[in-house]
């Protein structure tokens, strides 16, 4: 699959790159994508949720009415969860939501996500950029030239470029990452994936193992 390399003005250069079929042209595995996205979101959860239970509520422990003869249900402490101000029954407790997936499945999920983007023509290849300094205006100009000003976009760098990263940091819906940070969630969460020319080799090397 050949794709034209674009310049920062959004125009095709004389160069074309070959996107590997082993990475961008496989049979997508939807379940692998689902599991990898589920793991990513689960791993973001802090799991610090907590509500007070009966034993943790401040209040009297005396029996509030006699056991029999009232015509209503028997009741003990006012701290019971059936009374206003009582403890919460079966409330949330702190827990760890993370779970593991094997490397082959995660690799398959990322290749499936890239293939889906390639099939929907949502992948662009952009020649490597380098700004003189971190200027948001320069990055907005690139977005406008590529027709991505109002779309969620993921830009993938071959190696760390502080000026490009800082120029994009204040923009909503735009994320700049290195090829080593590529994840299934970030690919699927973007409307368009823009691969800098220098990132292609690293992506194919990581996903072809």
C-alpha atoms as a PDB file:
ATOM      1  CA  UNK A   1       0.000   0.000   0.000  1.00  0.00           C
ATOM      2  CA  UNK A   2       1.667   3.189  -1.214  1.00  0.00           C
ATOM      3  CA  UNK A   3       0.929   6.559   0.368  1.00  0.00           C
ATOM      4  CA  UNK A   4       2.139   9.966  -0.753  1.00  0.00           C
ATOM      5  CA  UNK A   5       4.276  11.912   1.705  1.00  0.00           C
ATOM      6  CA  UNK A   6       2.758  15.328   2.425  1.00  0.00           C
ATOM      7  CA  UNK A   7       4.616  18.505   3.291  1.00  0.00           C
ATOM      8  CA  UNK A   8       3.594  20.937   6.043  1.00  0.00           C
ATOM      9  CA  UNK A   9       1.413  22.803   3.530  1.00  0.00           C
ATOM     10  CA  UNK A  10      -0.690  19.682   2.948  1.00  0.00           C
ATOM     11  CA  UNK A  11       0.607  19.143  -0.585  1.00  0.00           C
ATOM     12  CA  UNK A  12       1.973  15.853  -1.896  1.00  0.00           C
ATOM     13  CA  UNK A  13       5.722  15.692  -2.356  1.00  0.00           C
ATOM     14  CA  UNK A  14       7.411  13.646  -5.054  1.00  0.00           C
ATOM     15  CA  UNK A  15       8.001  10.836  -2.550  1.00  0.00           C
ATOM     16  CA  UNK A  16       5.800   7.876  -1.703  1.00  0.00           C
ATOM     17  CA  UNK A  17       6.207   5.343   1.086  1.00  0.00           C
ATOM     18  CA  UNK A  18       5.161   1.725   1.193  1.00  0.00           C
ATOM     19  CA  UNK A  19       3.022   0.847   4.221  1.00  0.00           C
ATOM     20  CA  UNK A  20       3.662  -2.742   5.248  1.00  0.00           C
ATOM     21  CA  UNK A  21       0.793  -5.191   4.683  1.00  0.00           C
ATOM     22  CA  UNK A  22       1.844  -6.993   7.864  1.00  0.00           C
ATOM     23  CA  UNK A  23       0.966  -3.869   9.884  1.00  0.00           C
ATOM     24  CA  UNK A  24      -1.553  -1.845   7.861  1.00  0.00           C
ATOM     25  CA  UNK A  25      -3.221  -4.566   5.774  1.00  0.00           C
ATOM     26  CA  UNK A  26      -4.124  -7.482   8.052  1.00  0.00           C
ATOM     27  CA  UNK A  27      -7.565  -8.934   8.783  1.00  0.00           C
ATOM     28  CA  UNK A  28      -8.694  -6.757  11.743  1.00  0.00           C
ATOM     29  CA  UNK A  29      -9.478  -8.575  14.971  1.00  0.00           C
ATOM     30  CA  UNK A  30     -12.278  -6.616  16.654  1.00  0.00           C
ATOM     31  CA  UNK A  31     -12.112  -8.578  19.897  1.00  0.00           C
ATOM     32  CA  UNK A  32      -8.400  -7.904  20.310  1.00  0.00           C
ATOM     33  CA  UNK A  33      -9.069  -4.188  19.805  1.00  0.00           C
ATOM     34  CA  UNK A  34     -11.875  -4.330  22.388  1.00  0.00           C
ATOM     35  CA  UNK A  35      -9.677  -6.045  24.983  1.00  0.00           C
ATOM     36  CA  UNK A  36      -6.755  -3.662  24.511  1.00  0.00           C
ATOM     37  CA  UNK A  37      -8.983  -0.572  24.756  1.00  0.00           C
ATOM     38  CA  UNK A  38     -10.696  -2.060  27.810  1.00  0.00           C
ATOM     39  CA  UNK A  39      -7.315  -2.662  29.469  1.00  0.00           C
ATOM     40  CA  UNK A  40      -6.112   0.867  28.703  1.00  0.00           C
ATOM     41  CA  UNK A  41      -9.222   2.443  30.243  1.00  0.00           C
ATOM     42  CA  UNK A  42      -9.162   0.086  33.232  1.00  0.00           C
ATOM     43  CA  UNK A  43      -5.531   0.945  33.918  1.00  0.00           C
ATOM     44  CA  UNK A  44      -6.418   4.658  34.062  1.00  0.00           C
ATOM     45  CA  UNK A  45      -8.783   4.110  36.991  1.00  0.00           C
ATOM     46  CA  UNK A  46      -7.423   5.039  40.412  1.00  0.00           C
ATOM     47  CA  UNK A  47      -9.761   2.691  42.249  1.00  0.00           C
ATOM     48  CA  UNK A  48      -9.852   4.942  45.338  1.00  0.00           C
ATOM     49  CA  UNK A  49     -13.656   5.014  45.611  1.00  0.00           C
ATOM     50  CA  UNK A  50     -14.956   4.327  49.120  1.00  0.00           C
ATOM     51  CA  UNK A  51     -18.208   4.759  51.026  1.00  0.00           C
ATOM     52  CA  UNK A  52     -18.658   4.355  54.779  1.00  0.00           C
ATOM     53  CA  UNK A  53     -20.166   1.106  55.917  1.00  0.00           C
ATOM     54  CA  UNK A  54     -22.123   0.353  59.050  1.00  0.00           C
ATOM     55  CA  UNK A  55     -19.070  -0.158  61.233  1.00  0.00           C
ATOM     56  CA  UNK A  56     -17.558   3.180  60.148  1.00  0.00           C
ATOM     57  CA  UNK A  57     -20.556   5.447  60.819  1.00  0.00           C
ATOM     58  CA  UNK A  58     -20.516   7.608  63.970  1.00  0.00           C
ATOM     59  CA  UNK A  59     -23.699   6.970  65.935  1.00  0.00           C
ATOM     60  CA  UNK A  60     -25.333   5.146  68.814  1.00  0.00           C
ATOM     61  CA  UNK A  61     -25.168   1.376  68.957  1.00  0.00           C
ATOM     62  CA  UNK A  62     -28.171   0.934  71.242  1.00  0.00           C
ATOM     63  CA  UNK A  63     -31.120  -1.123  70.031  1.00  0.00           C
ATOM     64  CA  UNK A  64     -33.606   1.509  68.821  1.00  0.00           C
ATOM     65  CA  UNK A  65     -36.799  -0.443  69.658  1.00  0.00           C
ATOM     66  CA  UNK A  66     -37.824  -3.678  71.227  1.00  0.00           C
ATOM     67  CA  UNK A  67     -37.514  -6.864  69.244  1.00  0.00           C
ATOM     68  CA  UNK A  68     -41.188  -7.872  69.244  1.00  0.00           C
ATOM     69  CA  UNK A  69     -44.593  -6.309  69.497  1.00  0.00           C
ATOM     70  CA  UNK A  70     -44.165  -3.143  67.415  1.00  0.00           C
ATOM     71  CA  UNK A  71     -45.774  -4.554  64.285  1.00  0.00           C
ATOM     72  CA  UNK A  72     -42.798  -3.531  62.204  1.00  0.00           C
ATOM     73  CA  UNK A  73     -39.540  -5.194  61.255  1.00  0.00           C
ATOM     74  CA  UNK A  74     -37.013  -5.816  64.005  1.00  0.00           C
ATOM     75  CA  UNK A  75     -34.149  -3.325  64.047  1.00  0.00           C
ATOM     76  CA  UNK A  76     -30.896  -2.923  65.903  1.00  0.00           C
ATOM     77  CA  UNK A  77     -28.485  -0.001  65.581  1.00  0.00           C
ATOM     78  CA  UNK A  78     -29.482   3.312  63.980  1.00  0.00           C
ATOM     79  CA  UNK A  79     -26.312   2.897  61.896  1.00  0.00           C
ATOM     80  CA  UNK A  80     -27.990   0.220  59.791  1.00  0.00           C
ATOM     81  CA  UNK A  81     -28.071   0.902  56.084  1.00  0.00           C
ATOM     82  CA  UNK A  82     -31.894   0.914  55.982  1.00  0.00           C
ATOM     83  CA  UNK A  83     -32.042   4.144  58.002  1.00  0.00           C
ATOM     84  CA  UNK A  84     -31.252   7.674  56.861  1.00  0.00           C
ATOM     85  CA  UNK A  85     -27.683   8.508  57.837  1.00  0.00           C
ATOM     86  CA  UNK A  86     -26.739   4.876  58.186  1.00  0.00           C
ATOM     87  CA  UNK A  87     -23.877   3.103  56.501  1.00  0.00           C
ATOM     88  CA  UNK A  88     -24.079   2.106  52.859  1.00  0.00           C
ATOM     89  CA  UNK A  89     -24.710  -1.565  52.211  1.00  0.00           C
ATOM     90  CA  UNK A  90     -22.391  -3.242  49.691  1.00  0.00           C
ATOM     91  CA  UNK A  91     -20.800   0.109  48.843  1.00  0.00           C
ATOM     92  CA  UNK A  92     -17.649   0.546  46.766  1.00  0.00           C
ATOM     93  CA  UNK A  93     -14.302  -0.325  48.297  1.00  0.00           C
ATOM     94  CA  UNK A  94     -10.813   0.559  47.049  1.00  0.00           C
ATOM     95  CA  UNK A  95      -9.641  -1.939  44.455  1.00  0.00           C
ATOM     96  CA  UNK A  96      -7.185  -2.376  41.618  1.00  0.00           C
ATOM     97  CA  UNK A  97      -8.824  -2.518  38.184  1.00  0.00           C
ATOM     98  CA  UNK A  98      -5.695  -3.314  36.172  1.00  0.00           C
ATOM     99  CA  UNK A  99      -5.349  -6.579  34.292  1.00  0.00           C
ATOM    100  CA  UNK A 100      -2.748  -8.003  31.945  1.00  0.00           C
ATOM    101  CA  UNK A 101      -2.834  -8.985  28.293  1.00  0.00           C
ATOM    102  CA  UNK A 102      -0.109 -10.883  26.494  1.00  0.00           C
ATOM    103  CA  UNK A 103       2.193  -9.046  24.089  1.00  0.00           C
ATOM    104  CA  UNK A 104       1.017 -10.866  20.979  1.00  0.00           C
ATOM    105  CA  UNK A 105      -2.604  -9.877  21.566  1.00  0.00           C
ATOM    106  CA  UNK A 106      -1.674  -6.232  22.176  1.00  0.00           C
ATOM    107  CA  UNK A 107       0.446  -6.227  19.014  1.00  0.00           C
ATOM    108  CA  UNK A 108      -2.450  -7.719  17.044  1.00  0.00           C
ATOM    109  CA  UNK A 109      -4.804  -5.081  18.461  1.00  0.00           C
ATOM    110  CA  UNK A 110      -2.549  -2.194  17.383  1.00  0.00           C
ATOM    111  CA  UNK A 111      -2.111  -3.645  13.899  1.00  0.00           C
ATOM    112  CA  UNK A 112      -5.884  -4.131  13.654  1.00  0.00           C
ATOM    113  CA  UNK A 113      -6.497  -0.523  14.689  1.00  0.00           C
ATOM    114  CA  UNK A 114      -3.975   0.796  12.134  1.00  0.00           C
ATOM    115  CA  UNK A 115      -5.538  -1.392   9.439  1.00  0.00           C
ATOM    116  CA  UNK A 116      -8.986   0.009  10.226  1.00  0.00           C
ATOM    117  CA  UNK A 117      -7.653   3.551   9.886  1.00  0.00           C
ATOM    118  CA  UNK A 118      -5.873   2.652   6.639  1.00  0.00           C
ATOM    119  CA  UNK A 119      -9.044   1.060   5.224  1.00  0.00           C
ATOM    120  CA  UNK A 120     -11.037   4.212   6.018  1.00  0.00           C
ATOM    121  CA  UNK A 121      -8.294   6.403   4.490  1.00  0.00           C
ATOM    122  CA  UNK A 122      -7.696   8.093   7.842  1.00  0.00           C
ATOM    123  CA  UNK A 123      -3.914   7.720   7.824  1.00  0.00           C
ATOM    124  CA  UNK A 124      -1.623  10.446   6.485  1.00  0.00           C
ATOM    125  CA  UNK A 125       2.156  10.442   6.162  1.00  0.00           C
ATOM    126  CA  UNK A 126       3.792  13.807   6.822  1.00  0.00           C
ATOM    127  CA  UNK A 127       7.403  14.732   6.278  1.00  0.00           C
ATOM    128  CA  UNK A 128       9.314  15.364   9.504  1.00  0.00           C
ATOM    129  CA  UNK A 129       8.762  18.844  10.946  1.00  0.00           C
ATOM    130  CA  UNK A 130      10.940  20.977  13.140  1.00  0.00           C
ATOM    131  CA  UNK A 131       9.853  24.366  14.478  1.00  0.00           C
ATOM    132  CA  UNK A 132      12.303  27.058  15.555  1.00  0.00           C
ATOM    133  CA  UNK A 133      10.542  27.181  18.895  1.00  0.00           C
ATOM    134  CA  UNK A 134       7.303  26.105  20.601  1.00  0.00           C
ATOM    135  CA  UNK A 135       4.635  28.162  18.813  1.00  0.00           C
ATOM    136  CA  UNK A 136       1.016  27.032  18.809  1.00  0.00           C
ATOM    137  CA  UNK A 137       0.312  29.241  15.786  1.00  0.00           C
ATOM    138  CA  UNK A 138       2.751  27.197  13.676  1.00  0.00           C
ATOM    139  CA  UNK A 139       1.057  23.938  14.589  1.00  0.00           C
ATOM    140  CA  UNK A 140      -2.408  25.369  13.864  1.00  0.00           C
ATOM    141  CA  UNK A 141      -1.149  26.314  10.396  1.00  0.00           C
ATOM    142  CA  UNK A 142      -0.132  22.682   9.796  1.00  0.00           C
ATOM    143  CA  UNK A 143      -3.523  21.424  11.010  1.00  0.00           C
ATOM    144  CA  UNK A 144      -5.338  23.839   8.724  1.00  0.00           C
ATOM    145  CA  UNK A 145      -3.222  22.819   5.725  1.00  0.00           C
ATOM    146  CA  UNK A 146      -4.006  19.149   6.355  1.00  0.00           C
ATOM    147  CA  UNK A 147      -7.733  19.839   6.825  1.00  0.00           C
ATOM    148  CA  UNK A 148      -7.655  18.654  10.431  1.00  0.00           C
ATOM    149  CA  UNK A 149      -8.453  21.910  12.236  1.00  0.00           C
ATOM    150  CA  UNK A 150     -11.771  20.654  13.652  1.00  0.00           C
ATOM    151  CA  UNK A 151     -10.987  16.928  13.927  1.00  0.00           C
ATOM    152  CA  UNK A 152      -9.474  14.710  16.589  1.00  0.00           C
ATOM    153  CA  UNK A 153      -5.952  14.021  15.397  1.00  0.00           C
ATOM    154  CA  UNK A 154      -3.082  11.847  16.565  1.00  0.00           C
ATOM    155  CA  UNK A 155       0.428  12.819  15.409  1.00  0.00           C
ATOM    156  CA  UNK A 156       3.115  10.155  15.766  1.00  0.00           C
ATOM    157  CA  UNK A 157       6.754  11.260  15.973  1.00  0.00           C
ATOM    158  CA  UNK A 158       9.710   9.038  15.205  1.00  0.00           C
ATOM    159  CA  UNK A 159      11.663  10.472  18.117  1.00  0.00           C
ATOM    160  CA  UNK A 160      11.084  13.118  20.751  1.00  0.00           C
ATOM    161  CA  UNK A 161      10.676  16.648  19.369  1.00  0.00           C
ATOM    162  CA  UNK A 162      10.033  19.102  22.169  1.00  0.00           C
ATOM    163  CA  UNK A 163       9.127  22.059  19.948  1.00  0.00           C
ATOM    164  CA  UNK A 164       6.463  20.119  18.034  1.00  0.00           C
ATOM    165  CA  UNK A 165       5.069  18.613  21.244  1.00  0.00           C
ATOM    166  CA  UNK A 166       4.879  21.948  23.095  1.00  0.00           C
ATOM    167  CA  UNK A 167       3.340  23.664  20.057  1.00  0.00           C
ATOM    168  CA  UNK A 168       0.415  21.224  20.154  1.00  0.00           C
ATOM    169  CA  UNK A 169      -0.076  20.928  23.897  1.00  0.00           C
ATOM    170  CA  UNK A 170      -2.690  23.704  24.236  1.00  0.00           C
ATOM    171  CA  UNK A 171      -4.856  22.458  21.366  1.00  0.00           C
ATOM    172  CA  UNK A 172      -8.040  20.520  22.099  1.00  0.00           C
ATOM    173  CA  UNK A 173      -8.448  17.282  20.184  1.00  0.00           C
ATOM    174  CA  UNK A 174      -4.778  17.061  19.149  1.00  0.00           C
ATOM    175  CA  UNK A 175      -2.218  14.704  20.645  1.00  0.00           C
ATOM    176  CA  UNK A 176       1.441  14.290  19.728  1.00  0.00           C
ATOM    177  CA  UNK A 177       3.199  11.107  20.833  1.00  0.00           C
ATOM    178  CA  UNK A 178       6.304   9.096  19.989  1.00  0.00           C
ATOM    179  CA  UNK A 179       6.055   5.846  18.024  1.00  0.00           C
ATOM    180  CA  UNK A 180       6.981   3.923  21.188  1.00  0.00           C
ATOM    181  CA  UNK A 181       3.902   5.374  22.953  1.00  0.00           C
ATOM    182  CA  UNK A 182       1.422   4.244  20.291  1.00  0.00           C
ATOM    183  CA  UNK A 183      -1.581   2.432  21.762  1.00  0.00           C
ATOM    184  CA  UNK A 184      -4.780   0.937  20.393  1.00  0.00           C
ATOM    185  CA  UNK A 185      -6.925   3.344  22.396  1.00  0.00           C
ATOM    186  CA  UNK A 186      -5.152   6.428  21.048  1.00  0.00           C
ATOM    187  CA  UNK A 187      -5.427   5.169  17.469  1.00  0.00           C
ATOM    188  CA  UNK A 188      -9.143   4.399  17.774  1.00  0.00           C
ATOM    189  CA  UNK A 189      -9.889   7.601  19.681  1.00  0.00           C
ATOM    190  CA  UNK A 190      -8.587   9.789  16.834  1.00  0.00           C
ATOM    191  CA  UNK A 191     -10.452  10.628  13.638  1.00  0.00           C
ATOM    192  CA  UNK A 192      -7.162  10.866  11.765  1.00  0.00           C
ATOM    193  CA  UNK A 193      -3.697   9.444  12.404  1.00  0.00           C
ATOM    194  CA  UNK A 194      -0.781  11.470  11.032  1.00  0.00           C
ATOM    195  CA  UNK A 195       2.458   9.511  10.876  1.00  0.00           C
ATOM    196  CA  UNK A 196       5.641  11.514  10.575  1.00  0.00           C
ATOM    197  CA  UNK A 197       7.967   9.964   8.027  1.00  0.00           C
ATOM    198  CA  UNK A 198      10.548   9.200  10.693  1.00  0.00           C
ATOM    199  CA  UNK A 199       8.063   7.121  12.721  1.00  0.00           C
ATOM    200  CA  UNK A 200       7.273   4.517  10.045  1.00  0.00           C
ATOM    201  CA  UNK A 201      10.321   2.327  10.536  1.00  0.00           C
ATOM    202  CA  UNK A 202       9.935   2.257  14.318  1.00  0.00           C
ATOM    203  CA  UNK A 203       6.228   1.370  14.143  1.00  0.00           C
ATOM    204  CA  UNK A 204       6.803  -1.467  11.671  1.00  0.00           C
ATOM    205  CA  UNK A 205       9.769  -2.777  13.665  1.00  0.00           C
ATOM    206  CA  UNK A 206       7.782  -2.808  16.927  1.00  0.00           C
ATOM    207  CA  UNK A 207       4.691  -4.439  15.433  1.00  0.00           C
ATOM    208  CA  UNK A 208       6.411  -6.963  13.178  1.00  0.00           C
ATOM    209  CA  UNK A 209       8.156  -8.818  16.014  1.00  0.00           C
END
